[in-house]
Amino acid sequence: IFKEMPERNIVSWNSMLSTYVLNE
């Protein structure tokens, strides 16, 4: 989803970062 988003804001980046952290 993140990769295919035409527009990203800081919330998008932080959400993806949190995803990786949460899923170890």
PDBML (XML) file of the C-alpha atoms, coordinates in Angstrom:
<?xml version="1.0" encoding="UTF-8" ?>
<PDBx:datablock datablockName="MODEL"
   xmlns:PDBx="http://pdbml.pdb.org/schema/pdbx-v50.xsd"
   xmlns:xsi="http://www.w3.org/2001/XMLSchema-instance"
   xsi:schemaLocation="http://pdbml.pdb.org/schema/pdbx-v50.xsd pdbx-v50.xsd">
   <PDBx:atom_siteCategory>
      <PDBx:atom_site id="1">
         <PDBx:B_iso_or_equiv>0.00</PDBx:B_iso_or_equiv>
         <PDBx:Cartn_x>0.000</PDBx:Cartn_x>
         <PDBx:Cartn_y>0.000</PDBx:Cartn_y>
         <PDBx:Cartn_z>0.000</PDBx:Cartn_z>
         <PDBx:auth_asym_id>A</PDBx:auth_asym_id>
         <PDBx:auth_atom_id>CA</PDBx:auth_atom_id>
         <PDBx:auth_comp_id>ILE</PDBx:auth_comp_id>
         <PDBx:auth_seq_id>1</PDBx:auth_seq_id>
         <PDBx:group_PDB>ATOM</PDBx:group_PDB>
         <PDBx:label_alt_id xsi:nil="true" />
         <PDBx:label_asym_id>A</PDBx:label_asym_id>
         <PDBx:label_atom_id>CA</PDBx:label_atom_id>
         <PDBx:label_comp_id>ILE</PDBx:label_comp_id>
         <PDBx:label_entity_id>1</PDBx:label_entity_id>
         <PDBx:label_seq_id>1</PDBx:label_seq_id>
         <PDBx:occupancy>1.00</PDBx:occupancy>
         <PDBx:pdbx_PDB_model_num>1</PDBx:pdbx_PDB_model_num>
         <PDBx:type_symbol>C</PDBx:type_symbol>
      </PDBx:atom_site>
      <PDBx:atom_site id="2">
         <PDBx:B_iso_or_equiv>0.00</PDBx:B_iso_or_equiv>
         <PDBx:Cartn_x>2.774</PDBx:Cartn_x>
         <PDBx:Cartn_y>2.396</PDBx:Cartn_y>
         <PDBx:Cartn_z>1.031</PDBx:Cartn_z>
         <PDBx:auth_asym_id>A</PDBx:auth_asym_id>
         <PDBx:auth_atom_id>CA</PDBx:auth_atom_id>
         <PDBx:auth_comp_id>PHE</PDBx:auth_comp_id>
         <PDBx:auth_seq_id>2</PDBx:auth_seq_id>
         <PDBx:group_PDB>ATOM</PDBx:group_PDB>
         <PDBx:label_alt_id xsi:nil="true" />
         <PDBx:label_asym_id>A</PDBx:label_asym_id>
         <PDBx:label_atom_id>CA</PDBx:label_atom_id>
         <PDBx:label_comp_id>PHE</PDBx:label_comp_id>
         <PDBx:label_entity_id>1</PDBx:label_entity_id>
         <PDBx:label_seq_id>2</PDBx:label_seq_id>
         <PDBx:occupancy>1.00</PDBx:occupancy>
         <PDBx:pdbx_PDB_model_num>1</PDBx:pdbx_PDB_model_num>
         <PDBx:type_symbol>C</PDBx:type_symbol>
      </PDBx:atom_site>
      <PDBx:atom_site id="3">
         <PDBx:B_iso_or_equiv>0.00</PDBx:B_iso_or_equiv>
         <PDBx:Cartn_x>4.769</PDBx:Cartn_x>
         <PDBx:Cartn_y>1.807</PDBx:Cartn_y>
         <PDBx:Cartn_z>-2.159</PDBx:Cartn_z>
         <PDBx:auth_asym_id>A</PDBx:auth_asym_id>
         <PDBx:auth_atom_id>CA</PDBx:auth_atom_id>
         <PDBx:auth_comp_id>LYS</PDBx:auth_comp_id>
         <PDBx:auth_seq_id>3</PDBx:auth_seq_id>
         <PDBx:group_PDB>ATOM</PDBx:group_PDB>
         <PDBx:label_alt_id xsi:nil="true" />
         <PDBx:label_asym_id>A</PDBx:label_asym_id>
         <PDBx:label_atom_id>CA</PDBx:label_atom_id>
         <PDBx:label_comp_id>LYS</PDBx:label_comp_id>
         <PDBx:label_entity_id>1</PDBx:label_entity_id>
         <PDBx:label_seq_id>3</PDBx:label_seq_id>
         <PDBx:occupancy>1.00</PDBx:occupancy>
         <PDBx:pdbx_PDB_model_num>1</PDBx:pdbx_PDB_model_num>
         <PDBx:type_symbol>C</PDBx:type_symbol>
      </PDBx:atom_site>
      <PDBx:atom_site id="4">
         <PDBx:B_iso_or_equiv>0.00</PDBx:B_iso_or_equiv>
         <PDBx:Cartn_x>1.751</PDBx:Cartn_x>
         <PDBx:Cartn_y>2.390</PDBx:Cartn_y>
         <PDBx:Cartn_z>-4.435</PDBx:Cartn_z>
         <PDBx:auth_asym_id>A</PDBx:auth_asym_id>
         <PDBx:auth_atom_id>CA</PDBx:auth_atom_id>
         <PDBx:auth_comp_id>GLU</PDBx:auth_comp_id>
         <PDBx:auth_seq_id>4</PDBx:auth_seq_id>
         <PDBx:group_PDB>ATOM</PDBx:group_PDB>
         <PDBx:label_alt_id xsi:nil="true" />
         <PDBx:label_asym_id>A</PDBx:label_asym_id>
         <PDBx:label_atom_id>CA</PDBx:label_atom_id>
         <PDBx:label_comp_id>GLU</PDBx:label_comp_id>
         <PDBx:label_entity_id>1</PDBx:label_entity_id>
         <PDBx:label_seq_id>4</PDBx:label_seq_id>
         <PDBx:occupancy>1.00</PDBx:occupancy>
         <PDBx:pdbx_PDB_model_num>1</PDBx:pdbx_PDB_model_num>
         <PDBx:type_symbol>C</PDBx:type_symbol>
      </PDBx:atom_site>
      <PDBx:atom_site id="5">
         <PDBx:B_iso_or_equiv>0.00</PDBx:B_iso_or_equiv>
         <PDBx:Cartn_x>0.573</PDBx:Cartn_x>
         <PDBx:Cartn_y>5.601</PDBx:Cartn_y>
         <PDBx:Cartn_z>-2.739</PDBx:Cartn_z>
         <PDBx:auth_asym_id>A</PDBx:auth_asym_id>
         <PDBx:auth_atom_id>CA</PDBx:auth_atom_id>
         <PDBx:auth_comp_id>MET</PDBx:auth_comp_id>
         <PDBx:auth_seq_id>5</PDBx:auth_seq_id>
         <PDBx:group_PDB>ATOM</PDBx:group_PDB>
         <PDBx:label_alt_id xsi:nil="true" />
         <PDBx:label_asym_id>A</PDBx:label_asym_id>
         <PDBx:label_atom_id>CA</PDBx:label_atom_id>
         <PDBx:label_comp_id>MET</PDBx:label_comp_id>
         <PDBx:label_entity_id>1</PDBx:label_entity_id>
         <PDBx:label_seq_id>5</PDBx:label_seq_id>
         <PDBx:occupancy>1.00</PDBx:occupancy>
         <PDBx:pdbx_PDB_model_num>1</PDBx:pdbx_PDB_model_num>
         <PDBx:type_symbol>C</PDBx:type_symbol>
      </PDBx:atom_site>
      <PDBx:atom_site id="6">
         <PDBx:B_iso_or_equiv>0.00</PDBx:B_iso_or_equiv>
         <PDBx:Cartn_x>0.771</PDBx:Cartn_x>
         <PDBx:Cartn_y>8.507</PDBx:Cartn_y>
         <PDBx:Cartn_z>-5.228</PDBx:Cartn_z>
         <PDBx:auth_asym_id>A</PDBx:auth_asym_id>
         <PDBx:auth_atom_id>CA</PDBx:auth_atom_id>
         <PDBx:auth_comp_id>PRO</PDBx:auth_comp_id>
         <PDBx:auth_seq_id>6</PDBx:auth_seq_id>
         <PDBx:group_PDB>ATOM</PDBx:group_PDB>
         <PDBx:label_alt_id xsi:nil="true" />
         <PDBx:label_asym_id>A</PDBx:label_asym_id>
         <PDBx:label_atom_id>CA</PDBx:label_atom_id>
         <PDBx:label_comp_id>PRO</PDBx:label_comp_id>
         <PDBx:label_entity_id>1</PDBx:label_entity_id>
         <PDBx:label_seq_id>6</PDBx:label_seq_id>
         <PDBx:occupancy>1.00</PDBx:occupancy>
         <PDBx:pdbx_PDB_model_num>1</PDBx:pdbx_PDB_model_num>
         <PDBx:type_symbol>C</PDBx:type_symbol>
      </PDBx:atom_site>
      <PDBx:atom_site id="7">
         <PDBx:B_iso_or_equiv>0.00</PDBx:B_iso_or_equiv>
         <PDBx:Cartn_x>1.134</PDBx:Cartn_x>
         <PDBx:Cartn_y>10.955</PDBx:Cartn_y>
         <PDBx:Cartn_z>-2.365</PDBx:Cartn_z>
         <PDBx:auth_asym_id>A</PDBx:auth_asym_id>
         <PDBx:auth_atom_id>CA</PDBx:auth_atom_id>
         <PDBx:auth_comp_id>GLU</PDBx:auth_comp_id>
         <PDBx:auth_seq_id>7</PDBx:auth_seq_id>
         <PDBx:group_PDB>ATOM</PDBx:group_PDB>
         <PDBx:label_alt_id xsi:nil="true" />
         <PDBx:label_asym_id>A</PDBx:label_asym_id>
         <PDBx:label_atom_id>CA</PDBx:label_atom_id>
         <PDBx:label_comp_id>GLU</PDBx:label_comp_id>
         <PDBx:label_entity_id>1</PDBx:label_entity_id>
         <PDBx:label_seq_id>7</PDBx:label_seq_id>
         <PDBx:occupancy>1.00</PDBx:occupancy>
         <PDBx:pdbx_PDB_model_num>1</PDBx:pdbx_PDB_model_num>
         <PDBx:type_symbol>C</PDBx:type_symbol>
      </PDBx:atom_site>
      <PDBx:atom_site id="8">
         <PDBx:B_iso_or_equiv>0.00</PDBx:B_iso_or_equiv>
         <PDBx:Cartn_x>2.696</PDBx:Cartn_x>
         <PDBx:Cartn_y>10.415</PDBx:Cartn_y>
         <PDBx:Cartn_z>1.060</PDBx:Cartn_z>
         <PDBx:auth_asym_id>A</PDBx:auth_asym_id>
         <PDBx:auth_atom_id>CA</PDBx:auth_atom_id>
         <PDBx:auth_comp_id>ARG</PDBx:auth_comp_id>
         <PDBx:auth_seq_id>8</PDBx:auth_seq_id>
         <PDBx:group_PDB>ATOM</PDBx:group_PDB>
         <PDBx:label_alt_id xsi:nil="true" />
         <PDBx:label_asym_id>A</PDBx:label_asym_id>
         <PDBx:label_atom_id>CA</PDBx:label_atom_id>
         <PDBx:label_comp_id>ARG</PDBx:label_comp_id>
         <PDBx:label_entity_id>1</PDBx:label_entity_id>
         <PDBx:label_seq_id>8</PDBx:label_seq_id>
         <PDBx:occupancy>1.00</PDBx:occupancy>
         <PDBx:pdbx_PDB_model_num>1</PDBx:pdbx_PDB_model_num>
         <PDBx:type_symbol>C</PDBx:type_symbol>
      </PDBx:atom_site>
      <PDBx:atom_site id="9">
         <PDBx:B_iso_or_equiv>0.00</PDBx:B_iso_or_equiv>
         <PDBx:Cartn_x>2.891</PDBx:Cartn_x>
         <PDBx:Cartn_y>12.615</PDBx:Cartn_y>
         <PDBx:Cartn_z>4.128</PDBx:Cartn_z>
         <PDBx:auth_asym_id>A</PDBx:auth_asym_id>
         <PDBx:auth_atom_id>CA</PDBx:auth_atom_id>
         <PDBx:auth_comp_id>ASN</PDBx:auth_comp_id>
         <PDBx:auth_seq_id>9</PDBx:auth_seq_id>
         <PDBx:group_PDB>ATOM</PDBx:group_PDB>
         <PDBx:label_alt_id xsi:nil="true" />
         <PDBx:label_asym_id>A</PDBx:label_asym_id>
         <PDBx:label_atom_id>CA</PDBx:label_atom_id>
         <PDBx:label_comp_id>ASN</PDBx:label_comp_id>
         <PDBx:label_entity_id>1</PDBx:label_entity_id>
         <PDBx:label_seq_id>9</PDBx:label_seq_id>
         <PDBx:occupancy>1.00</PDBx:occupancy>
         <PDBx:pdbx_PDB_model_num>1</PDBx:pdbx_PDB_model_num>
         <PDBx:type_symbol>C</PDBx:type_symbol>
      </PDBx:atom_site>
      <PDBx:atom_site id="10">
         <PDBx:B_iso_or_equiv>0.00</PDBx:B_iso_or_equiv>
         <PDBx:Cartn_x>4.851</PDBx:Cartn_x>
         <PDBx:Cartn_y>12.188</PDBx:Cartn_y>
         <PDBx:Cartn_z>7.361</PDBx:Cartn_z>
         <PDBx:auth_asym_id>A</PDBx:auth_asym_id>
         <PDBx:auth_atom_id>CA</PDBx:auth_atom_id>
         <PDBx:auth_comp_id>ILE</PDBx:auth_comp_id>
         <PDBx:auth_seq_id>10</PDBx:auth_seq_id>
         <PDBx:group_PDB>ATOM</PDBx:group_PDB>
         <PDBx:label_alt_id xsi:nil="true" />
         <PDBx:label_asym_id>A</PDBx:label_asym_id>
         <PDBx:label_atom_id>CA</PDBx:label_atom_id>
         <PDBx:label_comp_id>ILE</PDBx:label_comp_id>
         <PDBx:label_entity_id>1</PDBx:label_entity_id>
         <PDBx:label_seq_id>10</PDBx:label_seq_id>
         <PDBx:occupancy>1.00</PDBx:occupancy>
         <PDBx:pdbx_PDB_model_num>1</PDBx:pdbx_PDB_model_num>
         <PDBx:type_symbol>C</PDBx:type_symbol>
      </PDBx:atom_site>
      <PDBx:atom_site id="11">
         <PDBx:B_iso_or_equiv>0.00</PDBx:B_iso_or_equiv>
         <PDBx:Cartn_x>1.972</PDBx:Cartn_x>
         <PDBx:Cartn_y>10.107</PDBx:Cartn_y>
         <PDBx:Cartn_z>8.776</PDBx:Cartn_z>
         <PDBx:auth_asym_id>A</PDBx:auth_asym_id>
         <PDBx:auth_atom_id>CA</PDBx:auth_atom_id>
         <PDBx:auth_comp_id>VAL</PDBx:auth_comp_id>
         <PDBx:auth_seq_id>11</PDBx:auth_seq_id>
         <PDBx:group_PDB>ATOM</PDBx:group_PDB>
         <PDBx:label_alt_id xsi:nil="true" />
         <PDBx:label_asym_id>A</PDBx:label_asym_id>
         <PDBx:label_atom_id>CA</PDBx:label_atom_id>
         <PDBx:label_comp_id>VAL</PDBx:label_comp_id>
         <PDBx:label_entity_id>1</PDBx:label_entity_id>
         <PDBx:label_seq_id>11</PDBx:label_seq_id>
         <PDBx:occupancy>1.00</PDBx:occupancy>
         <PDBx:pdbx_PDB_model_num>1</PDBx:pdbx_PDB_model_num>
         <PDBx:type_symbol>C</PDBx:type_symbol>
      </PDBx:atom_site>
      <PDBx:atom_site id="12">
         <PDBx:B_iso_or_equiv>0.00</PDBx:B_iso_or_equiv>
         <PDBx:Cartn_x>2.443</PDBx:Cartn_x>
         <PDBx:Cartn_y>7.621</PDBx:Cartn_y>
         <PDBx:Cartn_z>5.907</PDBx:Cartn_z>
         <PDBx:auth_asym_id>A</PDBx:auth_asym_id>
         <PDBx:auth_atom_id>CA</PDBx:auth_atom_id>
         <PDBx:auth_comp_id>SER</PDBx:auth_comp_id>
         <PDBx:auth_seq_id>12</PDBx:auth_seq_id>
         <PDBx:group_PDB>ATOM</PDBx:group_PDB>
         <PDBx:label_alt_id xsi:nil="true" />
         <PDBx:label_asym_id>A</PDBx:label_asym_id>
         <PDBx:label_atom_id>CA</PDBx:label_atom_id>
         <PDBx:label_comp_id>SER</PDBx:label_comp_id>
         <PDBx:label_entity_id>1</PDBx:label_entity_id>
         <PDBx:label_seq_id>12</PDBx:label_seq_id>
         <PDBx:occupancy>1.00</PDBx:occupancy>
         <PDBx:pdbx_PDB_model_num>1</PDBx:pdbx_PDB_model_num>
         <PDBx:type_symbol>C</PDBx:type_symbol>
      </PDBx:atom_site>
      <PDBx:atom_site id="13">
         <PDBx:B_iso_or_equiv>0.00</PDBx:B_iso_or_equiv>
         <PDBx:Cartn_x>6.171</PDBx:Cartn_x>
         <PDBx:Cartn_y>7.286</PDBx:Cartn_y>
         <PDBx:Cartn_z>6.590</PDBx:Cartn_z>
         <PDBx:auth_asym_id>A</PDBx:auth_asym_id>
         <PDBx:auth_atom_id>CA</PDBx:auth_atom_id>
         <PDBx:auth_comp_id>TRP</PDBx:auth_comp_id>
         <PDBx:auth_seq_id>13</PDBx:auth_seq_id>
         <PDBx:group_PDB>ATOM</PDBx:group_PDB>
         <PDBx:label_alt_id xsi:nil="true" />
         <PDBx:label_asym_id>A</PDBx:label_asym_id>
         <PDBx:label_atom_id>CA</PDBx:label_atom_id>
         <PDBx:label_comp_id>TRP</PDBx:label_comp_id>
         <PDBx:label_entity_id>1</PDBx:label_entity_id>
         <PDBx:label_seq_id>13</PDBx:label_seq_id>
         <PDBx:occupancy>1.00</PDBx:occupancy>
         <PDBx:pdbx_PDB_model_num>1</PDBx:pdbx_PDB_model_num>
         <PDBx:type_symbol>C</PDBx:type_symbol>
      </PDBx:atom_site>
      <PDBx:atom_site id="14">
         <PDBx:B_iso_or_equiv>0.00</PDBx:B_iso_or_equiv>
         <PDBx:Cartn_x>5.674</PDBx:Cartn_x>
         <PDBx:Cartn_y>6.982</PDBx:Cartn_y>
         <PDBx:Cartn_z>10.354</PDBx:Cartn_z>
         <PDBx:auth_asym_id>A</PDBx:auth_asym_id>
         <PDBx:auth_atom_id>CA</PDBx:auth_atom_id>
         <PDBx:auth_comp_id>ASN</PDBx:auth_comp_id>
         <PDBx:auth_seq_id>14</PDBx:auth_seq_id>
         <PDBx:group_PDB>ATOM</PDBx:group_PDB>
         <PDBx:label_alt_id xsi:nil="true" />
         <PDBx:label_asym_id>A</PDBx:label_asym_id>
         <PDBx:label_atom_id>CA</PDBx:label_atom_id>
         <PDBx:label_comp_id>ASN</PDBx:label_comp_id>
         <PDBx:label_entity_id>1</PDBx:label_entity_id>
         <PDBx:label_seq_id>14</PDBx:label_seq_id>
         <PDBx:occupancy>1.00</PDBx:occupancy>
         <PDBx:pdbx_PDB_model_num>1</PDBx:pdbx_PDB_model_num>
         <PDBx:type_symbol>C</PDBx:type_symbol>
      </PDBx:atom_site>
      <PDBx:atom_site id="15">
         <PDBx:B_iso_or_equiv>0.00</PDBx:B_iso_or_equiv>
         <PDBx:Cartn_x>2.900</PDBx:Cartn_x>
         <PDBx:Cartn_y>4.407</PDBx:Cartn_y>
         <PDBx:Cartn_z>9.887</PDBx:Cartn_z>
         <PDBx:auth_asym_id>A</PDBx:auth_asym_id>
         <PDBx:auth_atom_id>CA</PDBx:auth_atom_id>
         <PDBx:auth_comp_id>SER</PDBx:auth_comp_id>
         <PDBx:auth_seq_id>15</PDBx:auth_seq_id>
         <PDBx:group_PDB>ATOM</PDBx:group_PDB>
         <PDBx:label_alt_id xsi:nil="true" />
         <PDBx:label_asym_id>A</PDBx:label_asym_id>
         <PDBx:label_atom_id>CA</PDBx:label_atom_id>
         <PDBx:label_comp_id>SER</PDBx:label_comp_id>
         <PDBx:label_entity_id>1</PDBx:label_entity_id>
         <PDBx:label_seq_id>15</PDBx:label_seq_id>
         <PDBx:occupancy>1.00</PDBx:occupancy>
         <PDBx:pdbx_PDB_model_num>1</PDBx:pdbx_PDB_model_num>
         <PDBx:type_symbol>C</PDBx:type_symbol>
      </PDBx:atom_site>
      <PDBx:atom_site id="16">
         <PDBx:B_iso_or_equiv>0.00</PDBx:B_iso_or_equiv>
         <PDBx:Cartn_x>5.143</PDBx:Cartn_x>
         <PDBx:Cartn_y>2.256</PDBx:Cartn_y>
         <PDBx:Cartn_z>7.712</PDBx:Cartn_z>
         <PDBx:auth_asym_id>A</PDBx:auth_asym_id>
         <PDBx:auth_atom_id>CA</PDBx:auth_atom_id>
         <PDBx:auth_comp_id>MET</PDBx:auth_comp_id>
         <PDBx:auth_seq_id>16</PDBx:auth_seq_id>
         <PDBx:group_PDB>ATOM</PDBx:group_PDB>
         <PDBx:label_alt_id xsi:nil="true" />
         <PDBx:label_asym_id>A</PDBx:label_asym_id>
         <PDBx:label_atom_id>CA</PDBx:label_atom_id>
         <PDBx:label_comp_id>MET</PDBx:label_comp_id>
         <PDBx:label_entity_id>1</PDBx:label_entity_id>
         <PDBx:label_seq_id>16</PDBx:label_seq_id>
         <PDBx:occupancy>1.00</PDBx:occupancy>
         <PDBx:pdbx_PDB_model_num>1</PDBx:pdbx_PDB_model_num>
         <PDBx:type_symbol>C</PDBx:type_symbol>
      </PDBx:atom_site>
      <PDBx:atom_site id="17">
         <PDBx:B_iso_or_equiv>0.00</PDBx:B_iso_or_equiv>
         <PDBx:Cartn_x>8.022</PDBx:Cartn_x>
         <PDBx:Cartn_y>2.648</PDBx:Cartn_y>
         <PDBx:Cartn_z>10.139</PDBx:Cartn_z>
         <PDBx:auth_asym_id>A</PDBx:auth_asym_id>
         <PDBx:auth_atom_id>CA</PDBx:auth_atom_id>
         <PDBx:auth_comp_id>LEU</PDBx:auth_comp_id>
         <PDBx:auth_seq_id>17</PDBx:auth_seq_id>
         <PDBx:group_PDB>ATOM</PDBx:group_PDB>
         <PDBx:label_alt_id xsi:nil="true" />
         <PDBx:label_asym_id>A</PDBx:label_asym_id>
         <PDBx:label_atom_id>CA</PDBx:label_atom_id>
         <PDBx:label_comp_id>LEU</PDBx:label_comp_id>
         <PDBx:label_entity_id>1</PDBx:label_entity_id>
         <PDBx:label_seq_id>17</PDBx:label_seq_id>
         <PDBx:occupancy>1.00</PDBx:occupancy>
         <PDBx:pdbx_PDB_model_num>1</PDBx:pdbx_PDB_model_num>
         <PDBx:type_symbol>C</PDBx:type_symbol>
      </PDBx:atom_site>
      <PDBx:atom_site id="18">
         <PDBx:B_iso_or_equiv>0.00</PDBx:B_iso_or_equiv>
         <PDBx:Cartn_x>5.732</PDBx:Cartn_x>
         <PDBx:Cartn_y>1.630</PDBx:Cartn_y>
         <PDBx:Cartn_z>13.025</PDBx:Cartn_z>
         <PDBx:auth_asym_id>A</PDBx:auth_asym_id>
         <PDBx:auth_atom_id>CA</PDBx:auth_atom_id>
         <PDBx:auth_comp_id>SER</PDBx:auth_comp_id>
         <PDBx:auth_seq_id>18</PDBx:auth_seq_id>
         <PDBx:group_PDB>ATOM</PDBx:group_PDB>
         <PDBx:label_alt_id xsi:nil="true" />
         <PDBx:label_asym_id>A</PDBx:label_asym_id>
         <PDBx:label_atom_id>CA</PDBx:label_atom_id>
         <PDBx:label_comp_id>SER</PDBx:label_comp_id>
         <PDBx:label_entity_id>1</PDBx:label_entity_id>
         <PDBx:label_seq_id>18</PDBx:label_seq_id>
         <PDBx:occupancy>1.00</PDBx:occupancy>
         <PDBx:pdbx_PDB_model_num>1</PDBx:pdbx_PDB_model_num>
         <PDBx:type_symbol>C</PDBx:type_symbol>
      </PDBx:atom_site>
      <PDBx:atom_site id="19">
         <PDBx:B_iso_or_equiv>0.00</PDBx:B_iso_or_equiv>
         <PDBx:Cartn_x>4.585</PDBx:Cartn_x>
         <PDBx:Cartn_y>-1.362</PDBx:Cartn_y>
         <PDBx:Cartn_z>10.980</PDBx:Cartn_z>
         <PDBx:auth_asym_id>A</PDBx:auth_asym_id>
         <PDBx:auth_atom_id>CA</PDBx:auth_atom_id>
         <PDBx:auth_comp_id>THR</PDBx:auth_comp_id>
         <PDBx:auth_seq_id>19</PDBx:auth_seq_id>
         <PDBx:group_PDB>ATOM</PDBx:group_PDB>
         <PDBx:label_alt_id xsi:nil="true" />
         <PDBx:label_asym_id>A</PDBx:label_asym_id>
         <PDBx:label_atom_id>CA</PDBx:label_atom_id>
         <PDBx:label_comp_id>THR</PDBx:label_comp_id>
         <PDBx:label_entity_id>1</PDBx:label_entity_id>
         <PDBx:label_seq_id>19</PDBx:label_seq_id>
         <PDBx:occupancy>1.00</PDBx:occupancy>
         <PDBx:pdbx_PDB_model_num>1</PDBx:pdbx_PDB_model_num>
         <PDBx:type_symbol>C</PDBx:type_symbol>
      </PDBx:atom_site>
      <PDBx:atom_site id="20">
         <PDBx:B_iso_or_equiv>0.00</PDBx:B_iso_or_equiv>
         <PDBx:Cartn_x>8.116</PDBx:Cartn_x>
         <PDBx:Cartn_y>-2.705</PDBx:Cartn_y>
         <PDBx:Cartn_z>10.703</PDBx:Cartn_z>
         <PDBx:auth_asym_id>A</PDBx:auth_asym_id>
         <PDBx:auth_atom_id>CA</PDBx:auth_atom_id>
         <PDBx:auth_comp_id>TYR</PDBx:auth_comp_id>
         <PDBx:auth_seq_id>20</PDBx:auth_seq_id>
         <PDBx:group_PDB>ATOM</PDBx:group_PDB>
         <PDBx:label_alt_id xsi:nil="true" />
         <PDBx:label_asym_id>A</PDBx:label_asym_id>
         <PDBx:label_atom_id>CA</PDBx:label_atom_id>
         <PDBx:label_comp_id>TYR</PDBx:label_comp_id>
         <PDBx:label_entity_id>1</PDBx:label_entity_id>
         <PDBx:label_seq_id>20</PDBx:label_seq_id>
         <PDBx:occupancy>1.00</PDBx:occupancy>
         <PDBx:pdbx_PDB_model_num>1</PDBx:pdbx_PDB_model_num>
         <PDBx:type_symbol>C</PDBx:type_symbol>
      </PDBx:atom_site>
      <PDBx:atom_site id="21">
         <PDBx:B_iso_or_equiv>0.00</PDBx:B_iso_or_equiv>
         <PDBx:Cartn_x>8.850</PDBx:Cartn_x>
         <PDBx:Cartn_y>-2.039</PDBx:Cartn_y>
         <PDBx:Cartn_z>14.379</PDBx:Cartn_z>
         <PDBx:auth_asym_id>A</PDBx:auth_asym_id>
         <PDBx:auth_atom_id>CA</PDBx:auth_atom_id>
         <PDBx:auth_comp_id>VAL</PDBx:auth_comp_id>
         <PDBx:auth_seq_id>21</PDBx:auth_seq_id>
         <PDBx:group_PDB>ATOM</PDBx:group_PDB>
         <PDBx:label_alt_id xsi:nil="true" />
         <PDBx:label_asym_id>A</PDBx:label_asym_id>
         <PDBx:label_atom_id>CA</PDBx:label_atom_id>
         <PDBx:label_comp_id>VAL</PDBx:label_comp_id>
         <PDBx:label_entity_id>1</PDBx:label_entity_id>
         <PDBx:label_seq_id>21</PDBx:label_seq_id>
         <PDBx:occupancy>1.00</PDBx:occupancy>
         <PDBx:pdbx_PDB_model_num>1</PDBx:pdbx_PDB_model_num>
         <PDBx:type_symbol>C</PDBx:type_symbol>
      </PDBx:atom_site>
      <PDBx:atom_site id="22">
         <PDBx:B_iso_or_equiv>0.00</PDBx:B_iso_or_equiv>
         <PDBx:Cartn_x>5.568</PDBx:Cartn_x>
         <PDBx:Cartn_y>-3.619</PDBx:Cartn_y>
         <PDBx:Cartn_z>15.533</PDBx:Cartn_z>
         <PDBx:auth_asym_id>A</PDBx:auth_asym_id>
         <PDBx:auth_atom_id>CA</PDBx:auth_atom_id>
         <PDBx:auth_comp_id>LEU</PDBx:auth_comp_id>
         <PDBx:auth_seq_id>22</PDBx:auth_seq_id>
         <PDBx:group_PDB>ATOM</PDBx:group_PDB>
         <PDBx:label_alt_id xsi:nil="true" />
         <PDBx:label_asym_id>A</PDBx:label_asym_id>
         <PDBx:label_atom_id>CA</PDBx:label_atom_id>
         <PDBx:label_comp_id>LEU</PDBx:label_comp_id>
         <PDBx:label_entity_id>1</PDBx:label_entity_id>
         <PDBx:label_seq_id>22</PDBx:label_seq_id>
         <PDBx:occupancy>1.00</PDBx:occupancy>
         <PDBx:pdbx_PDB_model_num>1</PDBx:pdbx_PDB_model_num>
         <PDBx:type_symbol>C</PDBx:type_symbol>
      </PDBx:atom_site>
      <PDBx:atom_site id="23">
         <PDBx:B_iso_or_equiv>0.00</PDBx:B_iso_or_equiv>
         <PDBx:Cartn_x>6.165</PDBx:Cartn_x>
         <PDBx:Cartn_y>-6.705</PDBx:Cartn_y>
         <PDBx:Cartn_z>13.386</PDBx:Cartn_z>
         <PDBx:auth_asym_id>A</PDBx:auth_asym_id>
         <PDBx:auth_atom_id>CA</PDBx:auth_atom_id>
         <PDBx:auth_comp_id>ASN</PDBx:auth_comp_id>
         <PDBx:auth_seq_id>23</PDBx:auth_seq_id>
         <PDBx:group_PDB>ATOM</PDBx:group_PDB>
         <PDBx:label_alt_id xsi:nil="true" />
         <PDBx:label_asym_id>A</PDBx:label_asym_id>
         <PDBx:label_atom_id>CA</PDBx:label_atom_id>
         <PDBx:label_comp_id>ASN</PDBx:label_comp_id>
         <PDBx:label_entity_id>1</PDBx:label_entity_id>
         <PDBx:label_seq_id>23</PDBx:label_seq_id>
         <PDBx:occupancy>1.00</PDBx:occupancy>
         <PDBx:pdbx_PDB_model_num>1</PDBx:pdbx_PDB_model_num>
         <PDBx:type_symbol>C</PDBx:type_symbol>
      </PDBx:atom_site>
      <PDBx:atom_site id="24">
         <PDBx:B_iso_or_equiv>0.00</PDBx:B_iso_or_equiv>
         <PDBx:Cartn_x>9.814</PDBx:Cartn_x>
         <PDBx:Cartn_y>-6.959</PDBx:Cartn_y>
         <PDBx:Cartn_z>14.517</PDBx:Cartn_z>
         <PDBx:auth_asym_id>A</PDBx:auth_asym_id>
         <PDBx:auth_atom_id>CA</PDBx:auth_atom_id>
         <PDBx:auth_comp_id>GLU</PDBx:auth_comp_id>
         <PDBx:auth_seq_id>24</PDBx:auth_seq_id>
         <PDBx:group_PDB>ATOM</PDBx:group_PDB>
         <PDBx:label_alt_id xsi:nil="true" />
         <PDBx:label_asym_id>A</PDBx:label_asym_id>
         <PDBx:label_atom_id>CA</PDBx:label_atom_id>
         <PDBx:label_comp_id>GLU</PDBx:label_comp_id>
         <PDBx:label_entity_id>1</PDBx:label_entity_id>
         <PDBx:label_seq_id>24</PDBx:label_seq_id>
         <PDBx:occupancy>1.00</PDBx:occupancy>
         <PDBx:pdbx_PDB_model_num>1</PDBx:pdbx_PDB_model_num>
         <PDBx:type_symbol>C</PDBx:type_symbol>
      </PDBx:atom_site>
   </PDBx:atom_siteCategory>
</PDBx:datablock>
